[in-house]
Amino acid sequence: MTHISPTFSVSPQITAADIAAIKAAGYRAIICNRPDNEGADQPAFAEIAAAARAADLKTAYIPVIPGAVTQDNVTALAAALKDLPQPVLAYCRSGARAASLWSLCDGKQPTAV
């Protein structure tokens, strides 16, 4: 995990088996920035969300197509960061999209893409 701010970190793809460690690390919410079916070995967001719910973690699904961050993505992340308990862990394939998306909204207000 890479800490971007005191309340926001990013990571590469997680699995349902990682949820207990994420919870133990103090995270209270998870954001998925990876579209389902992007990779053959990738778990579906529904699987991650179910494991997170069982661990009392909140989730949000804000899929970002590689190289194509949209204003809707930025606005959705800004809204999620207002609504979700913190700290938040966001993930994608490598963590880069999640970090880029956060930088566009600076964790607060959306910035034009």
PDB file of N, CA and C in Angstrom:
ATOM      1  N   MET A   1       0.837  -1.175   0.000  1.00  0.00           N
ATOM      2  CA  MET A   1       0.000   0.000   0.000  1.00  0.00           C
ATOM      3  C   MET A   1       0.883   1.240   0.000  1.00  0.00           C
ATOM      4  N   THR A   2       0.437   2.223  -0.739  1.00  0.00           N
ATOM      5  CA  THR A   2       1.145   3.498  -0.793  1.00  0.00           C
ATOM      6  C   THR A   2       0.253   4.561  -0.155  1.00  0.00           C
ATOM      7  N   HIS A   3       0.775   5.224   0.868  1.00  0.00           N
ATOM      8  CA  HIS A   3       0.010   6.269   1.548  1.00  0.00           C
ATOM      9  C   HIS A   3       0.129   7.561   0.748  1.00  0.00           C
ATOM     10  N   ILE A   4      -1.004   8.067   0.295  1.00  0.00           N
ATOM     11  CA  ILE A   4      -1.053   9.303  -0.480  1.00  0.00           C
ATOM     12  C   ILE A   4      -1.296  10.485   0.453  1.00  0.00           C
ATOM     13  N   SER A   5      -2.109  10.278   1.458  1.00  0.00           N
ATOM     14  CA  SER A   5      -2.400  11.285   2.474  1.00  0.00           C
ATOM     15  C   SER A   5      -2.702  10.528   3.770  1.00  0.00           C
ATOM     16  N   PRO A   6      -2.892  11.237   4.869  1.00  0.00           N
ATOM     17  CA  PRO A   6      -3.210  10.528   6.112  1.00  0.00           C
ATOM     18  C   PRO A   6      -4.511   9.719   6.046  1.00  0.00           C
ATOM     19  N   THR A   7      -5.395  10.062   5.085  1.00  0.00           N
ATOM     20  CA  THR A   7      -6.690   9.384   5.021  1.00  0.00           C
ATOM     21  C   THR A   7      -6.920   8.616   3.726  1.00  0.00           C
ATOM     22  N   PHE A   8      -5.905   8.554   2.848  1.00  0.00           N
ATOM     23  CA  PHE A   8      -6.089   7.910   1.543  1.00  0.00           C
ATOM     24  C   PHE A   8      -4.823   7.177   1.131  1.00  0.00           C
ATOM     25  N   SER A   9      -4.989   5.896   0.813  1.00  0.00           N
ATOM     26  CA  SER A   9      -3.880   5.071   0.332  1.00  0.00           C
ATOM     27  C   SER A   9      -4.332   4.339  -0.916  1.00  0.00           C
ATOM     28  N   VAL A  10      -3.361   3.873  -1.691  1.00  0.00           N
ATOM     29  CA  VAL A  10      -3.669   3.107  -2.900  1.00  0.00           C
ATOM     30  C   VAL A  10      -2.878   1.805  -2.870  1.00  0.00           C
ATOM     31  N   SER A  11      -3.382   0.844  -3.644  1.00  0.00           N
ATOM     32  CA  SER A  11      -2.684  -0.434  -3.742  1.00  0.00           C
ATOM     33  C   SER A  11      -2.987  -1.072  -5.082  1.00  0.00           C
ATOM     34  N   PRO A  12      -2.172  -2.075  -5.438  1.00  0.00           N
ATOM     35  CA  PRO A  12      -2.521  -2.906  -6.586  1.00  0.00           C
ATOM     36  C   PRO A  12      -3.747  -3.741  -6.251  1.00  0.00           C
ATOM     37  N   GLN A  13      -4.200  -4.504  -7.206  1.00  0.00           N
ATOM     38  CA  GLN A  13      -5.379  -5.371  -7.069  1.00  0.00           C
ATOM     39  C   GLN A  13      -5.366  -6.118  -5.743  1.00  0.00           C
ATOM     40  N   ILE A  14      -6.500  -6.101  -5.060  1.00  0.00           N
ATOM     41  CA  ILE A  14      -6.655  -6.873  -3.827  1.00  0.00           C
ATOM     42  C   ILE A  14      -7.573  -8.053  -4.101  1.00  0.00           C
ATOM     43  N   THR A  15      -7.624  -8.972  -3.137  1.00  0.00           N
ATOM     44  CA  THR A  15      -8.535 -10.112  -3.215  1.00  0.00           C
ATOM     45  C   THR A  15      -9.373 -10.136  -1.940  1.00  0.00           C
ATOM     46  N   ALA A  16     -10.382 -10.963  -1.924  1.00  0.00           N
ATOM     47  CA  ALA A  16     -11.214 -11.113  -0.729  1.00  0.00           C
ATOM     48  C   ALA A  16     -10.372 -11.580   0.460  1.00  0.00           C
ATOM     49  N   ALA A  17      -9.342 -12.360   0.195  1.00  0.00           N
ATOM     50  CA  ALA A  17      -8.468 -12.846   1.266  1.00  0.00           C
ATOM     51  C   ALA A  17      -7.664 -11.718   1.918  1.00  0.00           C
ATOM     52  N   ASP A  18      -7.541 -10.566   1.256  1.00  0.00           N
ATOM     53  CA  ASP A  18      -6.793  -9.424   1.792  1.00  0.00           C
ATOM     54  C   ASP A  18      -7.625  -8.564   2.744  1.00  0.00           C
ATOM     55  N   ILE A  19      -8.929  -8.761   2.763  1.00  0.00           N
ATOM     56  CA  ILE A  19      -9.819  -7.869   3.510  1.00  0.00           C
ATOM     57  C   ILE A  19      -9.494  -7.835   4.999  1.00  0.00           C
ATOM     58  N   ALA A  20      -9.214  -8.959   5.596  1.00  0.00           N
ATOM     59  CA  ALA A  20      -8.907  -8.979   7.032  1.00  0.00           C
ATOM     60  C   ALA A  20      -7.679  -8.130   7.339  1.00  0.00           C
ATOM     61  N   ALA A  21      -6.651  -8.221   6.522  1.00  0.00           N
ATOM     62  CA  ALA A  21      -5.436  -7.423   6.730  1.00  0.00           C
ATOM     63  C   ALA A  21      -5.708  -5.934   6.495  1.00  0.00           C
ATOM     64  N   ILE A  22      -6.556  -5.631   5.521  1.00  0.00           N
ATOM     65  CA  ILE A  22      -6.917  -4.233   5.258  1.00  0.00           C
ATOM     66  C   ILE A  22      -7.651  -3.659   6.468  1.00  0.00           C
ATOM     67  N   LYS A  23      -8.577  -4.415   6.998  1.00  0.00           N
ATOM     68  CA  LYS A  23      -9.317  -3.986   8.197  1.00  0.00           C
ATOM     69  C   LYS A  23      -8.353  -3.836   9.383  1.00  0.00           C
ATOM     70  N   ALA A  24      -7.457  -4.798   9.557  1.00  0.00           N
ATOM     71  CA  ALA A  24      -6.496  -4.755  10.663  1.00  0.00           C
ATOM     72  C   ALA A  24      -5.557  -3.555  10.548  1.00  0.00           C
ATOM     73  N   ALA A  25      -5.311  -3.108   9.325  1.00  0.00           N
ATOM     74  CA  ALA A  25      -4.442  -1.941   9.103  1.00  0.00           C
ATOM     75  C   ALA A  25      -5.169  -0.632   9.417  1.00  0.00           C
ATOM     76  N   GLY A  26      -6.461  -0.725   9.728  1.00  0.00           N
ATOM     77  CA  GLY A  26      -7.201   0.449  10.149  1.00  0.00           C
ATOM     78  C   GLY A  26      -8.079   1.094   9.094  1.00  0.00           C
ATOM     79  N   TYR A  27      -8.112   0.527   7.895  1.00  0.00           N
ATOM     80  CA  TYR A  27      -8.952   1.114   6.846  1.00  0.00           C
ATOM     81  C   TYR A  27     -10.416   0.878   7.179  1.00  0.00           C
ATOM     82  N   ARG A  28     -11.243   1.850   6.792  1.00  0.00           N
ATOM     83  CA  ARG A  28     -12.678   1.764   7.062  1.00  0.00           C
ATOM     84  C   ARG A  28     -13.499   1.685   5.790  1.00  0.00           C
ATOM     85  N   ALA A  29     -12.824   1.913   4.648  1.00  0.00           N
ATOM     86  CA  ALA A  29     -13.530   1.852   3.364  1.00  0.00           C
ATOM     87  C   ALA A  29     -12.553   1.481   2.257  1.00  0.00           C
ATOM     88  N   ILE A  30     -13.114   0.896   1.189  1.00  0.00           N
ATOM     89  CA  ILE A  30     -12.337   0.465   0.021  1.00  0.00           C
ATOM     90  C   ILE A  30     -13.021   1.010  -1.228  1.00  0.00           C
ATOM     91  N   ILE A  31     -12.212   1.553  -2.125  1.00  0.00           N
ATOM     92  CA  ILE A  31     -12.717   2.019  -3.420  1.00  0.00           C
ATOM     93  C   ILE A  31     -12.034   1.218  -4.511  1.00  0.00           C
ATOM     94  N   CYS A  32     -12.830   0.651  -5.399  1.00  0.00           N
ATOM     95  CA  CYS A  32     -12.298  -0.080  -6.549  1.00  0.00           C
ATOM     96  C   CYS A  32     -12.303   0.848  -7.758  1.00  0.00           C
ATOM     97  N   ASN A  33     -11.127   1.070  -8.334  1.00  0.00           N
ATOM     98  CA  ASN A  33     -11.003   1.877  -9.550  1.00  0.00           C
ATOM     99  C   ASN A  33     -10.694   1.020 -10.771  1.00  0.00           C
ATOM    100  N   ARG A  34     -10.826  -0.278 -10.634  1.00  0.00           N
ATOM    101  CA  ARG A  34     -10.536  -1.188 -11.739  1.00  0.00           C
ATOM    102  C   ARG A  34     -11.834  -1.766 -12.294  1.00  0.00           C
ATOM    103  N   PRO A  35     -12.079  -1.563 -13.596  1.00  0.00           N
ATOM    104  CA  PRO A  35     -13.291  -2.152 -14.181  1.00  0.00           C
ATOM    105  C   PRO A  35     -13.261  -3.677 -14.072  1.00  0.00           C
ATOM    106  N   ASP A  36     -14.412  -4.269 -13.789  1.00  0.00           N
ATOM    107  CA  ASP A  36     -14.508  -5.731 -13.791  1.00  0.00           C
ATOM    108  C   ASP A  36     -14.106  -6.257 -15.165  1.00  0.00           C
ATOM    109  N   ASN A  37     -13.552  -7.464 -15.177  1.00  0.00           N
ATOM    110  CA  ASN A  37     -13.148  -8.163 -16.409  1.00  0.00           C
ATOM    111  C   ASN A  37     -11.998  -7.506 -17.156  1.00  0.00           C
ATOM    112  N   GLU A  38     -11.250  -6.644 -16.494  1.00  0.00           N
ATOM    113  CA  GLU A  38     -10.076  -6.046 -17.133  1.00  0.00           C
ATOM    114  C   GLU A  38      -8.966  -7.083 -17.306  1.00  0.00           C
ATOM    115  N   GLY A  39      -8.847  -7.975 -16.341  1.00  0.00           N
ATOM    116  CA  GLY A  39      -7.841  -9.024 -16.388  1.00  0.00           C
ATOM    117  C   GLY A  39      -8.463 -10.369 -16.073  1.00  0.00           C
ATOM    118  N   ALA A  40      -7.956 -11.408 -16.682  1.00  0.00           N
ATOM    119  CA  ALA A  40      -8.526 -12.746 -16.513  1.00  0.00           C
ATOM    120  C   ALA A  40      -8.409 -13.257 -15.074  1.00  0.00           C
ATOM    121  N   ASP A  41      -7.382 -12.845 -14.355  1.00  0.00           N
ATOM    122  CA  ASP A  41      -7.149 -13.350 -13.000  1.00  0.00           C
ATOM    123  C   ASP A  41      -7.715 -12.424 -11.915  1.00  0.00           C
ATOM    124  N   GLN A  42      -8.455 -11.430 -12.298  1.00  0.00           N
ATOM    125  CA  GLN A  42      -8.953 -10.415 -11.383  1.00  0.00           C
ATOM    126  C   GLN A  42     -10.281 -10.828 -10.743  1.00  0.00           C
ATOM    127  N   PRO A  43     -10.393 -10.707  -9.418  1.00  0.00           N
ATOM    128  CA  PRO A  43     -11.688 -10.999  -8.799  1.00  0.00           C
ATOM    129  C   PRO A  43     -12.693  -9.898  -9.147  1.00  0.00           C
ATOM    130  N   ALA A  44     -13.953 -10.253  -9.263  1.00  0.00           N
ATOM    131  CA  ALA A  44     -15.000  -9.267  -9.534  1.00  0.00           C
ATOM    132  C   ALA A  44     -15.174  -8.370  -8.315  1.00  0.00           C
ATOM    133  N   PHE A  45     -15.581  -7.134  -8.560  1.00  0.00           N
ATOM    134  CA  PHE A  45     -15.809  -6.209  -7.456  1.00  0.00           C
ATOM    135  C   PHE A  45     -16.849  -6.762  -6.481  1.00  0.00           C
ATOM    136  N   ALA A  46     -17.870  -7.441  -6.978  1.00  0.00           N
ATOM    137  CA  ALA A  46     -18.907  -8.000  -6.098  1.00  0.00           C
ATOM    138  C   ALA A  46     -18.307  -8.930  -5.049  1.00  0.00           C
ATOM    139  N   GLU A  47     -17.298  -9.695  -5.423  1.00  0.00           N
ATOM    140  CA  GLU A  47     -16.624 -10.600  -4.475  1.00  0.00           C
ATOM    141  C   GLU A  47     -15.896  -9.800  -3.397  1.00  0.00           C
ATOM    142  N   ILE A  48     -15.178  -8.755  -3.817  1.00  0.00           N
ATOM    143  CA  ILE A  48     -14.464  -7.893  -2.866  1.00  0.00           C
ATOM    144  C   ILE A  48     -15.471  -7.191  -1.949  1.00  0.00           C
ATOM    145  N   ALA A  49     -16.543  -6.660  -2.536  1.00  0.00           N
ATOM    146  CA  ALA A  49     -17.553  -5.930  -1.764  1.00  0.00           C
ATOM    147  C   ALA A  49     -18.218  -6.829  -0.729  1.00  0.00           C
ATOM    148  N   ALA A  50     -18.512  -8.070  -1.092  1.00  0.00           N
ATOM    149  CA  ALA A  50     -19.138  -8.994  -0.145  1.00  0.00           C
ATOM    150  C   ALA A  50     -18.214  -9.272   1.033  1.00  0.00           C
ATOM    151  N   ALA A  51     -16.943  -9.494   0.762  1.00  0.00           N
ATOM    152  CA  ALA A  51     -15.982  -9.740   1.844  1.00  0.00           C
ATOM    153  C   ALA A  51     -15.817  -8.491   2.709  1.00  0.00           C
ATOM    154  N   ALA A  52     -15.822  -7.331   2.083  1.00  0.00           N
ATOM    155  CA  ALA A  52     -15.695  -6.076   2.829  1.00  0.00           C
ATOM    156  C   ALA A  52     -16.916  -5.859   3.728  1.00  0.00           C
ATOM    157  N   ARG A  53     -18.114  -6.093   3.201  1.00  0.00           N
ATOM    158  CA  ARG A  53     -19.332  -5.952   4.006  1.00  0.00           C
ATOM    159  C   ARG A  53     -19.291  -6.872   5.223  1.00  0.00           C
ATOM    160  N   ALA A  54     -18.824  -8.090   5.009  1.00  0.00           N
ATOM    161  CA  ALA A  54     -18.729  -9.049   6.111  1.00  0.00           C
ATOM    162  C   ALA A  54     -17.754  -8.567   7.187  1.00  0.00           C
ATOM    163  N   ALA A  55     -16.789  -7.748   6.795  1.00  0.00           N
ATOM    164  CA  ALA A  55     -15.806  -7.204   7.734  1.00  0.00           C
ATOM    165  C   ALA A  55     -16.195  -5.805   8.217  1.00  0.00           C
ATOM    166  N   ASP A  56     -17.399  -5.370   7.872  1.00  0.00           N
ATOM    167  CA  ASP A  56     -17.904  -4.056   8.254  1.00  0.00           C
ATOM    168  C   ASP A  56     -17.088  -2.917   7.647  1.00  0.00           C
ATOM    169  N   LEU A  57     -16.644  -3.105   6.404  1.00  0.00           N
ATOM    170  CA  LEU A  57     -15.978  -2.047   5.647  1.00  0.00           C
ATOM    171  C   LEU A  57     -16.932  -1.555   4.572  1.00  0.00           C
ATOM    172  N   LYS A  58     -16.958  -0.266   4.347  1.00  0.00           N
ATOM    173  CA  LYS A  58     -17.772   0.318   3.281  1.00  0.00           C
ATOM    174  C   LYS A  58     -17.004   0.211   1.966  1.00  0.00           C
ATOM    175  N   THR A  59     -17.723   0.234   0.854  1.00  0.00           N
ATOM    176  CA  THR A  59     -17.080   0.145  -0.460  1.00  0.00           C
ATOM    177  C   THR A  59     -17.713   1.117  -1.445  1.00  0.00           C
ATOM    178  N   ALA A  60     -16.951   1.401  -2.491  1.00  0.00           N
ATOM    179  CA  ALA A  60     -17.454   2.166  -3.632  1.00  0.00           C
ATOM    180  C   ALA A  60     -16.785   1.604  -4.876  1.00  0.00           C
ATOM    181  N   TYR A  61     -17.541   1.589  -5.961  1.00  0.00           N
ATOM    182  CA  TYR A  61     -17.042   1.091  -7.248  1.00  0.00           C
ATOM    183  C   TYR A  61     -17.020   2.265  -8.216  1.00  0.00           C
ATOM    184  N   ILE A  62     -15.812   2.708  -8.545  1.00  0.00           N
ATOM    185  CA  ILE A  62     -15.617   3.829  -9.469  1.00  0.00           C
ATOM    186  C   ILE A  62     -14.606   3.364 -10.521  1.00  0.00           C
ATOM    187  N   PRO A  63     -15.063   2.557 -11.481  1.00  0.00           N
ATOM    188  CA  PRO A  63     -14.131   2.011 -12.470  1.00  0.00           C
ATOM    189  C   PRO A  63     -13.575   3.085 -13.395  1.00  0.00           C
ATOM    190  N   VAL A  64     -12.268   3.028 -13.596  1.00  0.00           N
ATOM    191  CA  VAL A  64     -11.575   3.974 -14.468  1.00  0.00           C
ATOM    192  C   VAL A  64     -10.888   3.184 -15.571  1.00  0.00           C
ATOM    193  N   ILE A  65     -11.205   3.515 -16.804  1.00  0.00           N
ATOM    194  CA  ILE A  65     -10.557   2.865 -17.943  1.00  0.00           C
ATOM    195  C   ILE A  65      -9.137   3.409 -18.049  1.00  0.00           C
ATOM    196  N   PRO A  66      -8.123   2.540 -18.193  1.00  0.00           N
ATOM    197  CA  PRO A  66      -6.738   3.014 -18.268  1.00  0.00           C
ATOM    198  C   PRO A  66      -6.568   4.109 -19.328  1.00  0.00           C
ATOM    199  N   GLY A  67      -5.942   5.205 -18.922  1.00  0.00           N
ATOM    200  CA  GLY A  67      -5.665   6.300 -19.833  1.00  0.00           C
ATOM    201  C   GLY A  67      -6.883   7.130 -20.200  1.00  0.00           C
ATOM    202  N   ALA A  68      -8.011   6.931 -19.528  1.00  0.00           N
ATOM    203  CA  ALA A  68      -9.234   7.633 -19.906  1.00  0.00           C
ATOM    204  C   ALA A  68     -10.025   8.100 -18.681  1.00  0.00           C
ATOM    205  N   VAL A  69      -9.358   8.784 -17.756  1.00  0.00           N
ATOM    206  CA  VAL A  69     -10.051   9.321 -16.594  1.00  0.00           C
ATOM    207  C   VAL A  69     -11.046  10.376 -17.085  1.00  0.00           C
ATOM    208  N   THR A  70     -12.267  10.288 -16.592  1.00  0.00           N
ATOM    209  CA  THR A  70     -13.300  11.234 -17.008  1.00  0.00           C
ATOM    210  C   THR A  70     -13.660  12.173 -15.858  1.00  0.00           C
ATOM    211  N   GLN A  71     -14.333  13.243 -16.200  1.00  0.00           N
ATOM    212  CA  GLN A  71     -14.821  14.157 -15.169  1.00  0.00           C
ATOM    213  C   GLN A  71     -15.799  13.436 -14.249  1.00  0.00           C
ATOM    214  N   ASP A  72     -16.584  12.521 -14.806  1.00  0.00           N
ATOM    215  CA  ASP A  72     -17.502  11.737 -13.975  1.00  0.00           C
ATOM    216  C   ASP A  72     -16.739  10.909 -12.940  1.00  0.00           C
ATOM    217  N   ASN A  73     -15.589  10.348 -13.332  1.00  0.00           N
ATOM    218  CA  ASN A  73     -14.761   9.594 -12.379  1.00  0.00           C
ATOM    219  C   ASN A  73     -14.285  10.492 -11.245  1.00  0.00           C
ATOM    220  N   VAL A  74     -13.815  11.684 -11.587  1.00  0.00           N
ATOM    221  CA  VAL A  74     -13.308  12.624 -10.589  1.00  0.00           C
ATOM    222  C   VAL A  74     -14.434  13.042  -9.640  1.00  0.00           C
ATOM    223  N   THR A  75     -15.577  13.375 -10.200  1.00  0.00           N
ATOM    224  CA  THR A  75     -16.724  13.783  -9.391  1.00  0.00           C
ATOM    225  C   THR A  75     -17.174  12.644  -8.477  1.00  0.00           C
ATOM    226  N   ALA A  76     -17.193  11.418  -9.001  1.00  0.00           N
ATOM    227  CA  ALA A  76     -17.597  10.257  -8.194  1.00  0.00           C
ATOM    228  C   ALA A  76     -16.630  10.025  -7.038  1.00  0.00           C
ATOM    229  N   LEU A  77     -15.330  10.182  -7.287  1.00  0.00           N
ATOM    230  CA  LEU A  77     -14.371   9.995  -6.197  1.00  0.00           C
ATOM    231  C   LEU A  77     -14.537  11.075  -5.149  1.00  0.00           C
ATOM    232  N   ALA A  78     -14.688  12.326  -5.576  1.00  0.00           N
ATOM    233  CA  ALA A  78     -14.874  13.409  -4.609  1.00  0.00           C
ATOM    234  C   ALA A  78     -16.103  13.151  -3.737  1.00  0.00           C
ATOM    235  N   ALA A  79     -17.191  12.690  -4.347  1.00  0.00           N
ATOM    236  CA  ALA A  79     -18.411  12.385  -3.591  1.00  0.00           C
ATOM    237  C   ALA A  79     -18.185  11.223  -2.634  1.00  0.00           C
ATOM    238  N   ALA A  80     -17.506  10.182  -3.114  1.00  0.00           N
ATOM    239  CA  ALA A  80     -17.239   9.017  -2.264  1.00  0.00           C
ATOM    240  C   ALA A  80     -16.385   9.408  -1.063  1.00  0.00           C
ATOM    241  N   LEU A  81     -15.385  10.262  -1.283  1.00  0.00           N
ATOM    242  CA  LEU A  81     -14.525  10.668  -0.176  1.00  0.00           C
ATOM    243  C   LEU A  81     -15.279  11.499   0.861  1.00  0.00           C
ATOM    244  N   LYS A  82     -16.332  12.159   0.450  1.00  0.00           N
ATOM    245  CA  LYS A  82     -17.164  12.900   1.408  1.00  0.00           C
ATOM    246  C   LYS A  82     -18.057  11.949   2.199  1.00  0.00           C
ATOM    247  N   ASP A  83     -18.496  10.864   1.551  1.00  0.00           N
ATOM    248  CA  ASP A  83     -19.472   9.958   2.153  1.00  0.00           C
ATOM    249  C   ASP A  83     -18.866   8.793   2.936  1.00  0.00           C
ATOM    250  N   LEU A  84     -17.720   8.308   2.496  1.00  0.00           N
ATOM    251  CA  LEU A  84     -17.142   7.110   3.114  1.00  0.00           C
ATOM    252  C   LEU A  84     -16.378   7.440   4.386  1.00  0.00           C
ATOM    253  N   PRO A  85     -16.395   6.523   5.345  1.00  0.00           N
ATOM    254  CA  PRO A  85     -15.550   6.710   6.524  1.00  0.00           C
ATOM    255  C   PRO A  85     -14.079   6.578   6.122  1.00  0.00           C
ATOM    256  N   GLN A  86     -13.238   7.278   6.835  1.00  0.00           N
ATOM    257  CA  GLN A  86     -11.823   7.264   6.491  1.00  0.00           C
ATOM    258  C   GLN A  86     -11.030   6.616   7.609  1.00  0.00           C
ATOM    259  N   PRO A  87      -9.875   6.080   7.322  1.00  0.00           N
ATOM    260  CA  PRO A  87      -9.124   6.143   6.069  1.00  0.00           C
ATOM    261  C   PRO A  87      -9.672   5.183   5.004  1.00  0.00           C
ATOM    262  N   VAL A  88      -9.341   5.526   3.759  1.00  0.00           N
ATOM    263  CA  VAL A  88      -9.819   4.807   2.580  1.00  0.00           C
ATOM    264  C   VAL A  88      -8.636   4.175   1.861  1.00  0.00           C
ATOM    265  N   LEU A  89      -8.846   2.957   1.368  1.00  0.00           N
ATOM    266  CA  LEU A  89      -7.883   2.295   0.494  1.00  0.00           C
ATOM    267  C   LEU A  89      -8.531   2.171  -0.875  1.00  0.00           C
ATOM    268  N   ALA A  90      -7.877   2.721  -1.907  1.00  0.00           N
ATOM    269  CA  ALA A  90      -8.367   2.595  -3.279  1.00  0.00           C
ATOM    270  C   ALA A  90      -7.409   1.691  -4.037  1.00  0.00           C
ATOM    271  N   TYR A  91      -7.961   0.876  -4.929  1.00  0.00           N
ATOM    272  CA  TYR A  91      -7.101  -0.027  -5.685  1.00  0.00           C
ATOM    273  C   TYR A  91      -7.497  -0.068  -7.151  1.00  0.00           C
ATOM    274  N   CYS A  92      -6.533  -0.485  -7.960  1.00  0.00           N
ATOM    275  CA  CYS A  92      -6.738  -0.778  -9.384  1.00  0.00           C
ATOM    276  C   CYS A  92      -5.720  -1.868  -9.720  1.00  0.00           C
ATOM    277  N   ARG A  93      -5.284  -1.977 -10.949  1.00  0.00           N
ATOM    278  CA  ARG A  93      -4.322  -3.025 -11.281  1.00  0.00           C
ATOM    279  C   ARG A  93      -2.993  -2.793 -10.564  1.00  0.00           C
ATOM    280  N   SER A  94      -2.479  -1.556 -10.643  1.00  0.00           N
ATOM    281  CA  SER A  94      -1.186  -1.264 -10.031  1.00  0.00           C
ATOM    282  C   SER A  94      -1.247  -0.228  -8.916  1.00  0.00           C
ATOM    283  N   GLY A  95      -2.343   0.490  -8.817  1.00  0.00           N
ATOM    284  CA  GLY A  95      -2.472   1.596  -7.869  1.00  0.00           C
ATOM    285  C   GLY A  95      -2.328   2.956  -8.537  1.00  0.00           C
ATOM    286  N   ALA A  96      -1.814   2.979  -9.767  1.00  0.00           N
ATOM    287  CA  ALA A  96      -1.544   4.250 -10.457  1.00  0.00           C
ATOM    288  C   ALA A  96      -2.824   5.014 -10.802  1.00  0.00           C
ATOM    289  N   ARG A  97      -3.832   4.328 -11.309  1.00  0.00           N
ATOM    290  CA  ARG A  97      -5.091   5.021 -11.640  1.00  0.00           C
ATOM    291  C   ARG A  97      -5.726   5.606 -10.401  1.00  0.00           C
ATOM    292  N   ALA A  98      -5.712   4.845  -9.312  1.00  0.00           N
ATOM    293  CA  ALA A  98      -6.304   5.322  -8.067  1.00  0.00           C
ATOM    294  C   ALA A  98      -5.576   6.576  -7.578  1.00  0.00           C
ATOM    295  N   ALA A  99      -4.259   6.584  -7.659  1.00  0.00           N
ATOM    296  CA  ALA A  99      -3.483   7.760  -7.241  1.00  0.00           C
ATOM    297  C   ALA A  99      -3.737   8.938  -8.167  1.00  0.00           C
ATOM    298  N   SER A 100      -3.781   8.687  -9.455  1.00  0.00           N
ATOM    299  CA  SER A 100      -4.036   9.766 -10.416  1.00  0.00           C
ATOM    300  C   SER A 100      -5.411  10.382 -10.203  1.00  0.00           C
ATOM    301  N   LEU A 101      -6.393   9.538  -9.997  1.00  0.00           N
ATOM    302  CA  LEU A 101      -7.748  10.025  -9.775  1.00  0.00           C
ATOM    303  C   LEU A 101      -7.804  10.884  -8.520  1.00  0.00           C
ATOM    304  N   TRP A 102      -7.170  10.443  -7.452  1.00  0.00           N
ATOM    305  CA  TRP A 102      -7.144  11.224  -6.218  1.00  0.00           C
ATOM    306  C   TRP A 102      -6.474  12.570  -6.448  1.00  0.00           C
ATOM    307  N   SER A 103      -5.380  12.597  -7.208  1.00  0.00           N
ATOM    308  CA  SER A 103      -4.683  13.856  -7.434  1.00  0.00           C
ATOM    309  C   SER A 103      -5.546  14.849  -8.210  1.00  0.00           C
ATOM    310  N   LEU A 104      -6.424  14.345  -9.069  1.00  0.00           N
ATOM    311  CA  LEU A 104      -7.305  15.235  -9.830  1.00  0.00           C
ATOM    312  C   LEU A 104      -8.384  15.877  -8.972  1.00  0.00           C
ATOM    313  N   CYS A 105      -8.768  15.194  -7.906  1.00  0.00           N
ATOM    314  CA  CYS A 105      -9.752  15.822  -7.026  1.00  0.00           C
ATOM    315  C   CYS A 105      -9.101  16.270  -5.724  1.00  0.00           C
ATOM    316  N   ASP A 106      -7.801  16.038  -5.591  1.00  0.00           N
ATOM    317  CA  ASP A 106      -7.026  16.472  -4.419  1.00  0.00           C
ATOM    318  C   ASP A 106      -7.696  16.037  -3.116  1.00  0.00           C
ATOM    319  N   GLY A 107      -8.461  14.944  -3.223  1.00  0.00           N
ATOM    320  CA  GLY A 107      -9.116  14.436  -2.044  1.00  0.00           C
ATOM    321  C   GLY A 107     -10.234  15.332  -1.537  1.00  0.00           C
ATOM    322  N   LYS A 108     -10.529  16.409  -2.254  1.00  0.00           N
ATOM    323  CA  LYS A 108     -11.543  17.371  -1.781  1.00  0.00           C
ATOM    324  C   LYS A 108     -12.548  17.694  -2.885  1.00  0.00           C
ATOM    325  N   GLN A 109     -12.168  18.573  -3.777  1.00  0.00           N
ATOM    326  CA  GLN A 109     -13.077  19.055  -4.811  1.00  0.00           C
ATOM    327  C   GLN A 109     -12.594  18.597  -6.178  1.00  0.00           C
ATOM    328  N   PRO A 110     -13.513  18.283  -7.088  1.00  0.00           N
ATOM    329  CA  PRO A 110     -13.116  17.860  -8.428  1.00  0.00           C
ATOM    330  C   PRO A 110     -12.368  18.970  -9.170  1.00  0.00           C
ATOM    331  N   THR A 111     -11.387  18.552  -9.947  1.00  0.00           N
ATOM    332  CA  THR A 111     -10.649  19.446 -10.823  1.00  0.00           C
ATOM    333  C   THR A 111     -10.964  19.022 -12.250  1.00  0.00           C
ATOM    334  N   ALA A 112     -11.080  19.967 -13.138  1.00  0.00           N
ATOM    335  CA  ALA A 112     -11.387  19.641 -14.531  1.00  0.00           C
ATOM    336  C   ALA A 112     -10.333  18.705 -15.102  1.00  0.00           C
ATOM    337  N   VAL A 113     -10.783  17.746 -15.892  1.00  0.00           N
ATOM    338  CA  VAL A 113      -9.878  16.782 -16.545  1.00  0.00           C
ATOM    339  C   VAL A 113      -9.521  17.307 -17.899  1.00  0.00           C
TER     340      VAL A 113
END
